[in-house]
PDB file of N, CA and C in Angstrom:
ATOM      1  N   MET A   1     183.464 173.460  23.486  1.00  0.00           N
ATOM      2  CA  MET A   1     182.851 172.406  22.697  1.00  0.00           C
ATOM      3  C   MET A   1     182.289 172.948  21.388  1.00  0.00           C
ATOM      4  N   GLN A   2     181.742 174.163  21.441  1.00  0.00           N
ATOM      5  CA  GLN A   2     181.181 174.743  20.230  1.00  0.00           C
ATOM      6  C   GLN A   2     182.281 174.969  19.184  1.00  0.00           C
ATOM      7  N   THR A   3     183.441 175.422  19.627  1.00  0.00           N
ATOM      8  CA  THR A   3     184.555 175.650  18.711  1.00  0.00           C
ATOM      9  C   THR A   3     185.003 174.329  18.090  1.00  0.00           C
ATOM     10  N   CYS A   4     185.055 173.268  18.878  1.00  0.00           N
ATOM     11  CA  CYS A   4     185.412 171.941  18.347  1.00  0.00           C
ATOM     12  C   CYS A   4     184.402 171.489  17.311  1.00  0.00           C
ATOM     13  N   SER A   5     183.155 171.739  17.584  1.00  0.00           N
ATOM     14  CA  SER A   5     182.106 171.360  16.643  1.00  0.00           C
ATOM     15  C   SER A   5     182.256 172.124  15.321  1.00  0.00           C
ATOM     16  N   LEU A   6     182.560 173.414  15.410  1.00  0.00           N
ATOM     17  CA  LEU A   6     182.780 174.207  14.202  1.00  0.00           C
ATOM     18  C   LEU A   6     183.984 173.689  13.416  1.00  0.00           C
ATOM     19  N   LEU A   7     185.029 173.336  14.136  1.00  0.00           N
ATOM     20  CA  LEU A   7     186.230 172.805  13.497  1.00  0.00           C
ATOM     21  C   LEU A   7     185.929 171.489  12.784  1.00  0.00           C
ATOM     22  N   LEU A   8     185.232 170.606  13.450  1.00  0.00           N
ATOM     23  CA  LEU A   8     184.902 169.311  12.845  1.00  0.00           C
ATOM     24  C   LEU A   8     184.044 169.493  11.593  1.00  0.00           C
ATOM     25  N   ARG A   9     183.114 170.426  11.637  1.00  0.00           N
ATOM     26  CA  ARG A   9     182.265 170.689  10.476  1.00  0.00           C
ATOM     27  C   ARG A   9     183.120 171.217   9.311  1.00  0.00           C
ATOM     28  N   ALA A  10     184.049 172.130   9.593  1.00  0.00           N
ATOM     29  CA  ALA A  10     184.913 172.678   8.544  1.00  0.00           C
ATOM     30  C   ALA A  10     185.789 171.586   7.938  1.00  0.00           C
ATOM     31  N   VAL A  11     186.302 170.688   8.775  1.00  0.00           N
ATOM     32  CA  VAL A  11     187.116 169.566   8.271  1.00  0.00           C
ATOM     33  C   VAL A  11     186.250 168.666   7.395  1.00  0.00           C
ATOM     34  N   TRP A  12     185.084 168.313   7.896  1.00  0.00           N
ATOM     35  CA  TRP A  12     184.186 167.402   7.179  1.00  0.00           C
ATOM     36  C   TRP A  12     183.781 167.979   5.824  1.00  0.00           C
ATOM     37  N   GLN A  13     183.541 169.293   5.776  1.00  0.00           N
ATOM     38  CA  GLN A  13     183.083 169.941   4.548  1.00  0.00           C
ATOM     39  C   GLN A  13     184.235 170.466   3.687  1.00  0.00           C
ATOM     40  N   SER A  14     185.461 170.198   4.091  1.00  0.00           N
ATOM     41  CA  SER A  14     186.663 170.634   3.364  1.00  0.00           C
ATOM     42  C   SER A  14     186.671 172.136   3.111  1.00  0.00           C
ATOM     43  N   LYS A  15     186.304 172.896   4.111  1.00  0.00           N
ATOM     44  CA  LYS A  15     186.315 174.359   4.019  1.00  0.00           C
ATOM     45  C   LYS A  15     187.618 174.864   4.628  1.00  0.00           C
ATOM     46  N   HIS A  16     188.646 174.889   3.804  1.00  0.00           N
ATOM     47  CA  HIS A  16     189.992 175.192   4.281  1.00  0.00           C
ATOM     48  C   HIS A  16     190.110 176.582   4.896  1.00  0.00           C
ATOM     49  N   ILE A  17     189.581 177.591   4.233  1.00  0.00           N
ATOM     50  CA  ILE A  17     189.692 178.959   4.759  1.00  0.00           C
ATOM     51  C   ILE A  17     189.019 179.053   6.121  1.00  0.00           C
ATOM     52  N   GLU A  18     187.825 178.498   6.224  1.00  0.00           N
ATOM     53  CA  GLU A  18     187.084 178.513   7.484  1.00  0.00           C
ATOM     54  C   GLU A  18     187.842 177.738   8.567  1.00  0.00           C
ATOM     55  N   LEU A  19     188.408 176.613   8.203  1.00  0.00           N
ATOM     56  CA  LEU A  19     189.145 175.790   9.154  1.00  0.00           C
ATOM     57  C   LEU A  19     190.313 176.570   9.758  1.00  0.00           C
ATOM     58  N   TYR A  20     191.094 177.249   8.913  1.00  0.00           N
ATOM     59  CA  TYR A  20     192.234 178.004   9.430  1.00  0.00           C
ATOM     60  C   TYR A  20     191.782 179.176  10.301  1.00  0.00           C
ATOM     61  N   LYS A  21     190.660 179.800   9.948  1.00  0.00           N
ATOM     62  CA  LYS A  21     190.131 180.885  10.794  1.00  0.00           C
ATOM     63  C   LYS A  21     189.741 180.348  12.165  1.00  0.00           C
ATOM     64  N   ILE A  22     189.106 179.200  12.190  1.00  0.00           N
ATOM     65  CA  ILE A  22     188.696 178.590  13.460  1.00  0.00           C
ATOM     66  C   ILE A  22     189.922 178.278  14.310  1.00  0.00           C
ATOM     67  N   LEU A  23     190.929 177.683  13.700  1.00  0.00           N
ATOM     68  CA  LEU A  23     192.128 177.324  14.445  1.00  0.00           C
ATOM     69  C   LEU A  23     192.876 178.549  14.963  1.00  0.00           C
ATOM     70  N   ARG A  24     192.909 179.607  14.175  1.00  0.00           N
ATOM     71  CA  ARG A  24     193.738 180.766  14.517  1.00  0.00           C
ATOM     72  C   ARG A  24     193.010 181.885  15.251  1.00  0.00           C
ATOM     73  N   GLU A  25     191.711 182.020  15.009  1.00  0.00           N
ATOM     74  CA  GLU A  25     191.029 183.201  15.516  1.00  0.00           C
ATOM     75  C   GLU A  25     190.017 182.943  16.631  1.00  0.00           C
ATOM     76  N   LEU A  26     189.452 181.766  16.682  1.00  0.00           N
ATOM     77  CA  LEU A  26     188.457 181.502  17.721  1.00  0.00           C
ATOM     78  C   LEU A  26     189.149 181.159  19.036  1.00  0.00           C
ATOM     79  N   PRO A  27     188.467 181.420  20.132  1.00  0.00           N
ATOM     80  CA  PRO A  27     189.095 181.142  21.435  1.00  0.00           C
ATOM     81  C   PRO A  27     189.207 179.641  21.701  1.00  0.00           C
ATOM     82  N   TRP A  28     190.394 179.246  22.115  1.00  0.00           N
ATOM     83  CA  TRP A  28     190.661 177.873  22.515  1.00  0.00           C
ATOM     84  C   TRP A  28     191.175 177.915  23.945  1.00  0.00           C
ATOM     85  N   PRO A  29     190.772 176.977  24.783  1.00  0.00           N
ATOM     86  CA  PRO A  29     191.316 176.952  26.143  1.00  0.00           C
ATOM     87  C   PRO A  29     192.843 176.852  26.104  1.00  0.00           C
ATOM     88  N   GLU A  30     193.486 177.484  27.050  1.00  0.00           N
ATOM     89  CA  GLU A  30     194.949 177.488  27.120  1.00  0.00           C
ATOM     90  C   GLU A  30     195.506 176.064  27.057  1.00  0.00           C
ATOM     91  N   ARG A  31     194.840 175.163  27.717  1.00  0.00           N
ATOM     92  CA  ARG A  31     195.267 173.762  27.761  1.00  0.00           C
ATOM     93  C   ARG A  31     195.238 173.096  26.386  1.00  0.00           C
ATOM     94  N   SER A  32     194.363 173.589  25.507  1.00  0.00           N
ATOM     95  CA  SER A  32     194.217 173.006  24.170  1.00  0.00           C
ATOM     96  C   SER A  32     195.162 173.608  23.145  1.00  0.00           C
ATOM     97  N   GLN A  33     195.804 174.721  23.445  1.00  0.00           N
ATOM     98  CA  GLN A  33     196.642 175.423  22.475  1.00  0.00           C
ATOM     99  C   GLN A  33     197.685 174.534  21.796  1.00  0.00           C
ATOM    100  N   PRO A  34     198.457 173.737  22.546  1.00  0.00           N
ATOM    101  CA  PRO A  34     199.451 172.892  21.861  1.00  0.00           C
ATOM    102  C   PRO A  34     198.803 171.906  20.879  1.00  0.00           C
ATOM    103  N   LEU A  35     197.677 171.340  21.241  1.00  0.00           N
ATOM    104  CA  LEU A  35     196.979 170.401  20.365  1.00  0.00           C
ATOM    105  C   LEU A  35     196.468 171.116  19.111  1.00  0.00           C
ATOM    106  N   VAL A  36     195.916 172.298  19.283  1.00  0.00           N
ATOM    107  CA  VAL A  36     195.406 173.074  18.151  1.00  0.00           C
ATOM    108  C   VAL A  36     196.549 173.407  17.196  1.00  0.00           C
ATOM    109  N   GLN A  37     197.680 173.828  17.723  1.00  0.00           N
ATOM    110  CA  GLN A  37     198.832 174.170  16.887  1.00  0.00           C
ATOM    111  C   GLN A  37     199.359 172.935  16.156  1.00  0.00           C
ATOM    112  N   ARG A  38     199.424 171.815  16.847  1.00  0.00           N
ATOM    113  CA  ARG A  38     199.877 170.573  16.208  1.00  0.00           C
ATOM    114  C   ARG A  38     198.913 170.131  15.128  1.00  0.00           C
ATOM    115  N   TYR A  39     197.617 170.314  15.368  1.00  0.00           N
ATOM    116  CA  TYR A  39     196.635 169.925  14.366  1.00  0.00           C
ATOM    117  C   TYR A  39     196.768 170.804  13.125  1.00  0.00           C
ATOM    118  N   GLU A  40     197.016 172.091  13.313  1.00  0.00           N
ATOM    119  CA  GLU A  40     197.184 172.973  12.152  1.00  0.00           C
ATOM    120  C   GLU A  40     198.360 172.519  11.289  1.00  0.00           C
ATOM    121  N   VAL A  41     199.483 172.208  11.914  1.00  0.00           N
ATOM    122  CA  VAL A  41     200.660 171.730  11.176  1.00  0.00           C
ATOM    123  C   VAL A  41     200.337 170.411  10.468  1.00  0.00           C
ATOM    124  N   TYR A  42     199.680 169.497  11.182  1.00  0.00           N
ATOM    125  CA  TYR A  42     199.282 168.210  10.598  1.00  0.00           C
ATOM    126  C   TYR A  42     198.374 168.432   9.383  1.00  0.00           C
ATOM    127  N   PHE A  43     197.376 169.306   9.531  1.00  0.00           N
ATOM    128  CA  PHE A  43     196.425 169.539   8.449  1.00  0.00           C
ATOM    129  C   PHE A  43     197.119 170.166   7.244  1.00  0.00           C
ATOM    130  N   GLN A  44     198.047 171.094   7.474  1.00  0.00           N
ATOM    131  CA  GLN A  44     198.783 171.703   6.368  1.00  0.00           C
ATOM    132  C   GLN A  44     199.624 170.663   5.638  1.00  0.00           C
ATOM    133  N   GLU A  45     200.305 169.807   6.369  1.00  0.00           N
ATOM    134  CA  GLU A  45     201.129 168.777   5.746  1.00  0.00           C
ATOM    135  C   GLU A  45     200.274 167.798   4.945  1.00  0.00           C
ATOM    136  N   LYS A  46     199.155 167.405   5.519  1.00  0.00           N
ATOM    137  CA  LYS A  46     198.233 166.490   4.840  1.00  0.00           C
ATOM    138  C   LYS A  46     197.681 167.140   3.568  1.00  0.00           C
ATOM    139  N   THR A  47     197.320 168.399   3.668  1.00  0.00           N
ATOM    140  CA  THR A  47     196.767 169.113   2.523  1.00  0.00           C
ATOM    141  C   THR A  47     197.817 169.304   1.441  1.00  0.00           C
ATOM    142  N   LEU A  48     199.065 169.567   1.833  1.00  0.00           N
ATOM    143  CA  LEU A  48     200.143 169.708   0.851  1.00  0.00           C
ATOM    144  C   LEU A  48     200.280 168.424   0.038  1.00  0.00           C
ATOM    145  N   VAL A  49     200.232 167.282   0.701  1.00  0.00           N
ATOM    146  CA  VAL A  49     200.313 165.995   0.008  1.00  0.00           C
ATOM    147  C   VAL A  49     199.119 165.836  -0.931  1.00  0.00           C
ATOM    148  N   GLU A  50     197.923 166.146  -0.444  1.00  0.00           N
ATOM    149  CA  GLU A  50     196.716 165.993  -1.260  1.00  0.00           C
ATOM    150  C   GLU A  50     196.745 166.899  -2.488  1.00  0.00           C
ATOM    151  N   VAL A  51     197.110 168.172  -2.295  1.00  0.00           N
ATOM    152  CA  VAL A  51     197.180 169.113  -3.416  1.00  0.00           C
ATOM    153  C   VAL A  51     198.270 168.682  -4.390  1.00  0.00           C
ATOM    154  N   SER A  52     199.414 168.279  -3.864  1.00  0.00           N
ATOM    155  CA  SER A  52     200.526 167.849  -4.720  1.00  0.00           C
ATOM    156  C   SER A  52     200.148 166.662  -5.593  1.00  0.00           C
ATOM    157  N   ASN A  53     199.330 165.786  -5.066  1.00  0.00           N
ATOM    158  CA  ASN A  53     198.943 164.583  -5.802  1.00  0.00           C
ATOM    159  C   ASN A  53     197.678 164.762  -6.630  1.00  0.00           C
ATOM    160  N   SER A  54     196.944 165.861  -6.422  1.00  0.00           N
ATOM    161  CA  SER A  54     195.666 166.054  -7.112  1.00  0.00           C
ATOM    162  C   SER A  54     195.735 167.017  -8.291  1.00  0.00           C
ATOM    163  N   TYR A  55     196.679 167.927  -8.264  1.00  0.00           N
ATOM    164  CA  TYR A  55     196.734 168.962  -9.290  1.00  0.00           C
ATOM    165  C   TYR A  55     197.984 168.821 -10.152  1.00  0.00           C
ATOM    166  N   GLU A  56     197.791 169.039 -11.454  1.00  0.00           N
ATOM    167  CA  GLU A  56     198.941 169.143 -12.344  1.00  0.00           C
ATOM    168  C   GLU A  56     199.429 170.579 -12.358  1.00  0.00           C
ATOM    169  N   THR A  57     198.478 171.524 -12.288  1.00  0.00           N
ATOM    170  CA  THR A  57     198.796 172.942 -12.183  1.00  0.00           C
ATOM    171  C   THR A  57     197.800 173.590 -11.231  1.00  0.00           C
ATOM    172  N   ILE A  58     198.243 174.675 -10.591  1.00  0.00           N
ATOM    173  CA  ILE A  58     197.371 175.388  -9.674  1.00  0.00           C
ATOM    174  C   ILE A  58     197.868 176.825  -9.558  1.00  0.00           C
ATOM    175  N   ARG A  59     196.939 177.746  -9.415  1.00  0.00           N
ATOM    176  CA  ARG A  59     197.309 179.145  -9.222  1.00  0.00           C
ATOM    177  C   ARG A  59     197.848 179.334  -7.810  1.00  0.00           C
ATOM    178  N   VAL A  60     198.724 180.309  -7.655  1.00  0.00           N
ATOM    179  CA  VAL A  60     199.353 180.569  -6.366  1.00  0.00           C
ATOM    180  C   VAL A  60     198.296 180.866  -5.305  1.00  0.00           C
ATOM    181  N   ALA A  61     197.319 181.694  -5.633  1.00  0.00           N
ATOM    182  CA  ALA A  61     196.295 182.072  -4.656  1.00  0.00           C
ATOM    183  C   ALA A  61     195.492 180.863  -4.191  1.00  0.00           C
ATOM    184  N   ALA A  62     195.184 179.949  -5.101  1.00  0.00           N
ATOM    185  CA  ALA A  62     194.420 178.753  -4.724  1.00  0.00           C
ATOM    186  C   ALA A  62     195.252 177.858  -3.816  1.00  0.00           C
ATOM    187  N   ALA A  63     196.512 177.650  -4.150  1.00  0.00           N
ATOM    188  CA  ALA A  63     197.384 176.829  -3.308  1.00  0.00           C
ATOM    189  C   ALA A  63     197.531 177.457  -1.926  1.00  0.00           C
ATOM    190  N   ALA A  64     197.650 178.770  -1.887  1.00  0.00           N
ATOM    191  CA  ALA A  64     197.787 179.483  -0.611  1.00  0.00           C
ATOM    192  C   ALA A  64     196.548 179.296   0.257  1.00  0.00           C
ATOM    193  N   ARG A  65     195.372 179.324  -0.349  1.00  0.00           N
ATOM    194  CA  ARG A  65     194.131 179.118   0.420  1.00  0.00           C
ATOM    195  C   ARG A  65     194.089 177.711   1.005  1.00  0.00           C
ATOM    196  N   TYR A  66     194.450 176.722   0.215  1.00  0.00           N
ATOM    197  CA  TYR A  66     194.449 175.345   0.707  1.00  0.00           C
ATOM    198  C   TYR A  66     195.366 175.175   1.913  1.00  0.00           C
ATOM    199  N   LEU A  67     196.493 175.871   1.888  1.00  0.00           N
ATOM    200  CA  LEU A  67     197.498 175.673   2.928  1.00  0.00           C
ATOM    201  C   LEU A  67     197.455 176.732   4.013  1.00  0.00           C
ATOM    202  N   GLY A  68     196.442 177.591   3.979  1.00  0.00           N
ATOM    203  CA  GLY A  68     196.256 178.556   5.048  1.00  0.00           C
ATOM    204  C   GLY A  68     197.301 179.651   5.098  1.00  0.00           C
ATOM    205  N   ALA A  69     197.851 180.009   3.950  1.00  0.00           N
ATOM    206  CA  ALA A  69     198.856 181.073   3.910  1.00  0.00           C
ATOM    207  C   ALA A  69     198.206 182.417   4.208  1.00  0.00           C
ATOM    208  N   ASP A  70     198.961 183.279   4.825  1.00  0.00           N
ATOM    209  CA  ASP A  70     198.509 184.633   5.129  1.00  0.00           C
ATOM    210  C   ASP A  70     198.235 185.355   3.810  1.00  0.00           C
ATOM    211  N   PRO A  71     197.023 185.918   3.639  1.00  0.00           N
ATOM    212  CA  PRO A  71     196.696 186.587   2.374  1.00  0.00           C
ATOM    213  C   PRO A  71     197.537 187.836   2.110  1.00  0.00           C
ATOM    214  N   ASP A  72     198.197 188.360   3.138  1.00  0.00           N
ATOM    215  CA  ASP A  72     199.013 189.556   2.971  1.00  0.00           C
ATOM    216  C   ASP A  72     200.446 189.250   2.543  1.00  0.00           C
ATOM    217  N   VAL A  73     200.794 187.969   2.476  1.00  0.00           N
ATOM    218  CA  VAL A  73     202.143 187.578   2.059  1.00  0.00           C
ATOM    219  C   VAL A  73     202.267 187.814   0.554  1.00  0.00           C
ATOM    220  N   ALA A  74     203.396 188.346   0.162  1.00  0.00           N
ATOM    221  CA  ALA A  74     203.642 188.619  -1.256  1.00  0.00           C
ATOM    222  C   ALA A  74     203.641 187.329  -2.067  1.00  0.00           C
ATOM    223  N   GLU A  75     203.154 187.426  -3.303  1.00  0.00           N
ATOM    224  CA  GLU A  75     203.093 186.242  -4.163  1.00  0.00           C
ATOM    225  C   GLU A  75     204.477 185.627  -4.352  1.00  0.00           C
ATOM    226  N   SER A  76     205.499 186.460  -4.465  1.00  0.00           N
ATOM    227  CA  SER A  76     206.852 185.932  -4.666  1.00  0.00           C
ATOM    228  C   SER A  76     207.308 185.092  -3.473  1.00  0.00           C
ATOM    229  N   ASP A  77     206.898 185.480  -2.256  1.00  0.00           N
ATOM    230  CA  ASP A  77     207.236 184.684  -1.071  1.00  0.00           C
ATOM    231  C   ASP A  77     206.505 183.344  -1.085  1.00  0.00           C
ATOM    232  N   LEU A  78     205.249 183.362  -1.536  1.00  0.00           N
ATOM    233  CA  LEU A  78     204.489 182.114  -1.637  1.00  0.00           C
ATOM    234  C   LEU A  78     205.112 181.188  -2.677  1.00  0.00           C
ATOM    235  N   ILE A  79     205.483 181.752  -3.808  1.00  0.00           N
ATOM    236  CA  ILE A  79     206.118 180.944  -4.858  1.00  0.00           C
ATOM    237  C   ILE A  79     207.389 180.305  -4.314  1.00  0.00           C
ATOM    238  N   GLU A  80     208.150 181.070  -3.559  1.00  0.00           N
ATOM    239  CA  GLU A  80     209.381 180.545  -2.967  1.00  0.00           C
ATOM    240  C   GLU A  80     209.097 179.380  -2.021  1.00  0.00           C
ATOM    241  N   LYS A  81     208.025 179.509  -1.220  1.00  0.00           N
ATOM    242  CA  LYS A  81     207.661 178.423  -0.299  1.00  0.00           C
ATOM    243  C   LYS A  81     207.288 177.158  -1.062  1.00  0.00           C
ATOM    244  N   PHE A  82     206.486 177.324  -2.119  1.00  0.00           N
ATOM    245  CA  PHE A  82     206.034 176.153  -2.869  1.00  0.00           C
ATOM    246  C   PHE A  82     207.173 175.516  -3.658  1.00  0.00           C
ATOM    247  N   THR A  83     208.056 176.314  -4.224  1.00  0.00           N
ATOM    248  CA  THR A  83     209.170 175.728  -4.959  1.00  0.00           C
ATOM    249  C   THR A  83     210.141 175.024  -4.008  1.00  0.00           C
ATOM    250  N   ALA A  84     210.178 175.460  -2.753  1.00  0.00           N
ATOM    251  CA  ALA A  84     211.006 174.761  -1.761  1.00  0.00           C
ATOM    252  C   ALA A  84     210.464 173.356  -1.488  1.00  0.00           C
ATOM    253  N   CYS A  85     209.181 173.138  -1.782  1.00  0.00           N
ATOM    254  CA  CYS A  85     208.560 171.811  -1.622  1.00  0.00           C
ATOM    255  C   CYS A  85     208.753 170.945  -2.860  1.00  0.00           C
ATOM    256  N   GLY A  86     209.468 171.474  -3.851  1.00  0.00           N
ATOM    257  CA  GLY A  86     209.704 170.712  -5.069  1.00  0.00           C
ATOM    258  C   GLY A  86     208.773 171.070  -6.213  1.00  0.00           C
ATOM    259  N   TRP A  87     207.878 172.040  -5.985  1.00  0.00           N
ATOM    260  CA  TRP A  87     206.977 172.458  -7.044  1.00  0.00           C
ATOM    261  C   TRP A  87     207.737 173.319  -8.042  1.00  0.00           C
ATOM    262  N   LYS A  88     207.242 173.381  -9.260  1.00  0.00           N
ATOM    263  CA  LYS A  88     207.840 174.206 -10.311  1.00  0.00           C
ATOM    264  C   LYS A  88     206.938 175.422 -10.568  1.00  0.00           C
ATOM    265  N   TRP A  89     207.572 176.560 -10.843  1.00  0.00           N
ATOM    266  CA  TRP A  89     206.847 177.795 -11.143  1.00  0.00           C
ATOM    267  C   TRP A  89     207.019 178.100 -12.621  1.00  0.00           C
ATOM    268  N   ASP A  90     205.902 178.327 -13.317  1.00  0.00           N
ATOM    269  CA  ASP A  90     205.926 178.717 -14.723  1.00  0.00           C
ATOM    270  C   ASP A  90     205.574 180.193 -14.790  1.00  0.00           C
ATOM    271  N   SER A  91     206.559 181.017 -15.031  1.00  0.00           N
ATOM    272  CA  SER A  91     206.339 182.465 -15.027  1.00  0.00           C
ATOM    273  C   SER A  91     205.524 182.937 -16.230  1.00  0.00           C
ATOM    274  N   GLU A  92     205.485 182.150 -17.293  1.00  0.00           N
ATOM    275  CA  GLU A  92     204.692 182.538 -18.471  1.00  0.00           C
ATOM    276  C   GLU A  92     203.199 182.352 -18.213  1.00  0.00           C
ATOM    277  N   THR A  93     202.832 181.222 -17.630  1.00  0.00           N
ATOM    278  CA  THR A  93     201.410 180.939 -17.391  1.00  0.00           C
ATOM    279  C   THR A  93     200.961 181.376 -16.002  1.00  0.00           C
ATOM    280  N   HIS A  94     201.931 181.731 -15.161  1.00  0.00           N
ATOM    281  CA  HIS A  94     201.653 182.104 -13.755  1.00  0.00           C
ATOM    282  C   HIS A  94     200.970 180.963 -13.003  1.00  0.00           C
ATOM    283  N   LEU A  95     201.466 179.752 -13.254  1.00  0.00           N
ATOM    284  CA  LEU A  95     200.924 178.571 -12.599  1.00  0.00           C
ATOM    285  C   LEU A  95     202.038 177.805 -11.891  1.00  0.00           C
ATOM    286  N   LEU A  96     201.655 177.186 -10.792  1.00  0.00           N
ATOM    287  CA  LEU A  96     202.543 176.265 -10.088  1.00  0.00           C
ATOM    288  C   LEU A  96     202.275 174.858 -10.600  1.00  0.00           C
ATOM    289  N   HIS A  97     203.314 174.067 -10.672  1.00  0.00           N
ATOM    290  CA  HIS A  97     203.200 172.660 -11.057  1.00  0.00           C
ATOM    291  C   HIS A  97     203.618 171.835  -9.843  1.00  0.00           C
ATOM    292  N   PRO A  98     202.630 171.361  -9.072  1.00  0.00           N
ATOM    293  CA  PRO A  98     202.968 170.579  -7.875  1.00  0.00           C
ATOM    294  C   PRO A  98     203.706 169.301  -8.230  1.00  0.00           C
ATOM    295  N   LYS A  99     204.579 168.931  -7.339  1.00  0.00           N
ATOM    296  CA  LYS A  99     205.322 167.677  -7.475  1.00  0.00           C
ATOM    297  C   LYS A  99     204.627 166.658  -6.580  1.00  0.00           C
ATOM    298  N   PRO A 100     204.139 165.546  -7.164  1.00  0.00           N
ATOM    299  CA  PRO A 100     203.500 164.529  -6.320  1.00  0.00           C
ATOM    300  C   PRO A 100     204.450 164.050  -5.223  1.00  0.00           C
ATOM    301  N   VAL A 101     203.904 163.911  -4.042  1.00  0.00           N
ATOM    302  CA  VAL A 101     204.696 163.440  -2.906  1.00  0.00           C
ATOM    303  C   VAL A 101     203.952 162.318  -2.201  1.00  0.00           C
ATOM    304  N   ALA A 102     204.707 161.465  -1.572  1.00  0.00           N
ATOM    305  CA  ALA A 102     204.109 160.383  -0.785  1.00  0.00           C
ATOM    306  C   ALA A 102     203.787 160.923   0.597  1.00  0.00           C
ATOM    307  N   ALA A 103     202.705 160.452   1.148  1.00  0.00           N
ATOM    308  CA  ALA A 103     202.345 160.856   2.511  1.00  0.00           C
ATOM    309  C   ALA A 103     203.366 160.288   3.474  1.00  0.00           C
ATOM    310  N   ALA A 104     203.820 161.133   4.377  1.00  0.00           N
ATOM    311  CA  ALA A 104     204.775 160.681   5.393  1.00  0.00           C
ATOM    312  C   ALA A 104     204.043 159.840   6.422  1.00  0.00           C
ATOM    313  N   PRO A 105     204.675 158.788   6.904  1.00  0.00           N
ATOM    314  CA  PRO A 105     204.029 157.996   7.951  1.00  0.00           C
ATOM    315  C   PRO A 105     203.874 158.856   9.204  1.00  0.00           C
ATOM    316  N   PRO A 106     202.821 158.626   9.974  1.00  0.00           N
ATOM    317  CA  PRO A 106     202.627 159.431  11.177  1.00  0.00           C
ATOM    318  C   PRO A 106     203.829 159.314  12.099  1.00  0.00           C
ATOM    319  N   LYS A 107     204.218 160.460  12.688  1.00  0.00           N
ATOM    320  CA  LYS A 107     205.371 160.472  13.588  1.00  0.00           C
ATOM    321  C   LYS A 107     205.043 159.757  14.884  1.00  0.00           C
ATOM    322  N   ASP A 108     203.837 159.960  15.360  1.00  0.00           N
ATOM    323  CA  ASP A 108     203.384 159.233  16.542  1.00  0.00           C
ATOM    324  C   ASP A 108     201.861 159.252  16.559  1.00  0.00           C
ATOM    325  N   ASP A 109     201.315 158.463  17.410  1.00  0.00           N
ATOM    326  CA  ASP A 109     199.859 158.365  17.483  1.00  0.00           C
ATOM    327  C   ASP A 109     199.250 159.333  18.477  1.00  0.00           C
ATOM    328  N   SER A 110     200.060 160.159  19.133  1.00  0.00           N
ATOM    329  CA  SER A 110     199.522 161.007  20.199  1.00  0.00           C
ATOM    330  C   SER A 110     198.508 162.006  19.666  1.00  0.00           C
ATOM    331  N   LEU A 111     198.732 162.588  18.474  1.00  0.00           N
ATOM    332  CA  LEU A 111     197.763 163.526  17.929  1.00  0.00           C
ATOM    333  C   LEU A 111     196.456 162.807  17.620  1.00  0.00           C
ATOM    334  N   GLN A 112     196.548 161.632  16.999  1.00  0.00           N
ATOM    335  CA  GLN A 112     195.340 160.871  16.699  1.00  0.00           C
ATOM    336  C   GLN A 112     194.605 160.500  17.979  1.00  0.00           C
ATOM    337  N   ASN A 113     195.338 160.111  19.006  1.00  0.00           N
ATOM    338  CA  ASN A 113     194.722 159.753  20.283  1.00  0.00           C
ATOM    339  C   ASN A 113     194.026 160.955  20.905  1.00  0.00           C
ATOM    340  N   GLU A 114     194.668 162.115  20.855  1.00  0.00           N
ATOM    341  CA  GLU A 114     194.057 163.326  21.408  1.00  0.00           C
ATOM    342  C   GLU A 114     192.799 163.696  20.639  1.00  0.00           C
ATOM    343  N   LEU A 115     192.850 163.607  19.310  1.00  0.00           N
ATOM    344  CA  LEU A 115     191.671 163.928  18.503  1.00  0.00           C
ATOM    345  C   LEU A 115     190.538 162.940  18.797  1.00  0.00           C
ATOM    346  N   SER A 116     190.875 161.682  18.968  1.00  0.00           N
ATOM    347  CA  SER A 116     189.854 160.685  19.303  1.00  0.00           C
ATOM    348  C   SER A 116     189.212 161.000  20.652  1.00  0.00           C
ATOM    349  N   ARG A 117     190.032 161.441  21.588  1.00  0.00           N
ATOM    350  CA  ARG A 117     189.513 161.793  22.914  1.00  0.00           C
ATOM    351  C   ARG A 117     188.579 162.997  22.831  1.00  0.00           C
ATOM    352  N   VAL A 118     188.960 163.998  22.027  1.00  0.00           N
ATOM    353  CA  VAL A 118     188.104 165.179  21.842  1.00  0.00           C
ATOM    354  C   VAL A 118     186.796 164.770  21.191  1.00  0.00           C
ATOM    355  N   MET A 119     186.855 163.913  20.181  1.00  0.00           N
ATOM    356  CA  MET A 119     185.628 163.451  19.518  1.00  0.00           C
ATOM    357  C   MET A 119     184.723 162.717  20.494  1.00  0.00           C
ATOM    358  N   ALA A 120     185.298 161.909  21.350  1.00  0.00           N
ATOM    359  CA  ALA A 120     184.500 161.188  22.339  1.00  0.00           C
ATOM    360  C   ALA A 120     183.840 162.155  23.299  1.00  0.00           C
ATOM    361  N   LEU A 121     184.545 163.172  23.721  1.00  0.00           N
ATOM    362  CA  LEU A 121     183.966 164.181  24.607  1.00  0.00           C
ATOM    363  C   LEU A 121     182.804 164.906  23.940  1.00  0.00           C
ATOM    364  N   ILE A 122     182.984 165.251  22.673  1.00  0.00           N
ATOM    365  CA  ILE A 122     181.919 165.947  21.943  1.00  0.00           C
ATOM    366  C   ILE A 122     180.700 165.072  21.826  1.00  0.00           C
ATOM    367  N   SER A 123     180.888 163.801  21.469  1.00  0.00           N
ATOM    368  CA  SER A 123     179.734 162.925  21.305  1.00  0.00           C
ATOM    369  C   SER A 123     179.027 162.681  22.633  1.00  0.00           C
ATOM    370  N   ASN A 124     179.761 162.661  23.740  1.00  0.00           N
ATOM    371  CA  ASN A 124     179.147 162.486  25.055  1.00  0.00           C
ATOM    372  C   ASN A 124     178.343 163.717  25.460  1.00  0.00           C
ATOM    373  N   GLN A 125     178.752 164.896  25.015  1.00  0.00           N
ATOM    374  CA  GLN A 125     178.039 166.124  25.343  1.00  0.00           C
ATOM    375  C   GLN A 125     176.676 166.167  24.638  1.00  0.00           C
ATOM    376  N   GLY A 126     176.588 165.545  23.473  1.00  0.00           N
ATOM    377  CA  GLY A 126     175.359 165.565  22.704  1.00  0.00           C
ATOM    378  C   GLY A 126     174.302 164.608  23.240  1.00  0.00           C
ATOM    379  N   SER A 127     174.675 163.661  24.088  1.00  0.00           N
ATOM    380  CA  SER A 127     173.685 162.686  24.544  1.00  0.00           C
ATOM    381  C   SER A 127     173.165 162.987  25.922  1.00  0.00           C
TER     382      SER A 127
END
């Protein structure tokens, strides 16, 4: 429950680096692992849409932090990942130019239902 609380706080405060550390490094019950992994993918996809629609230009390191990229990955590999999403790389200014994208409709409601169930459990623990 404490880990869930930390995760919710990181989401609420938009602390992307902290959020990815919580998802990847803190202990999660074995039963929760698939949900945690699905949430990470969901959060990355959601953040990609938000960054793509919010920035005209962004540095590679900043985009990598938003999307939880491994800090040890070479910049050229990160640039390749972002350009595969339709972003443009300007080698003169060393800036990425995100391509605005529309949010994809949810594939199913199961992740939302699971998150709602976790939130209900957390709120019941506090009372």
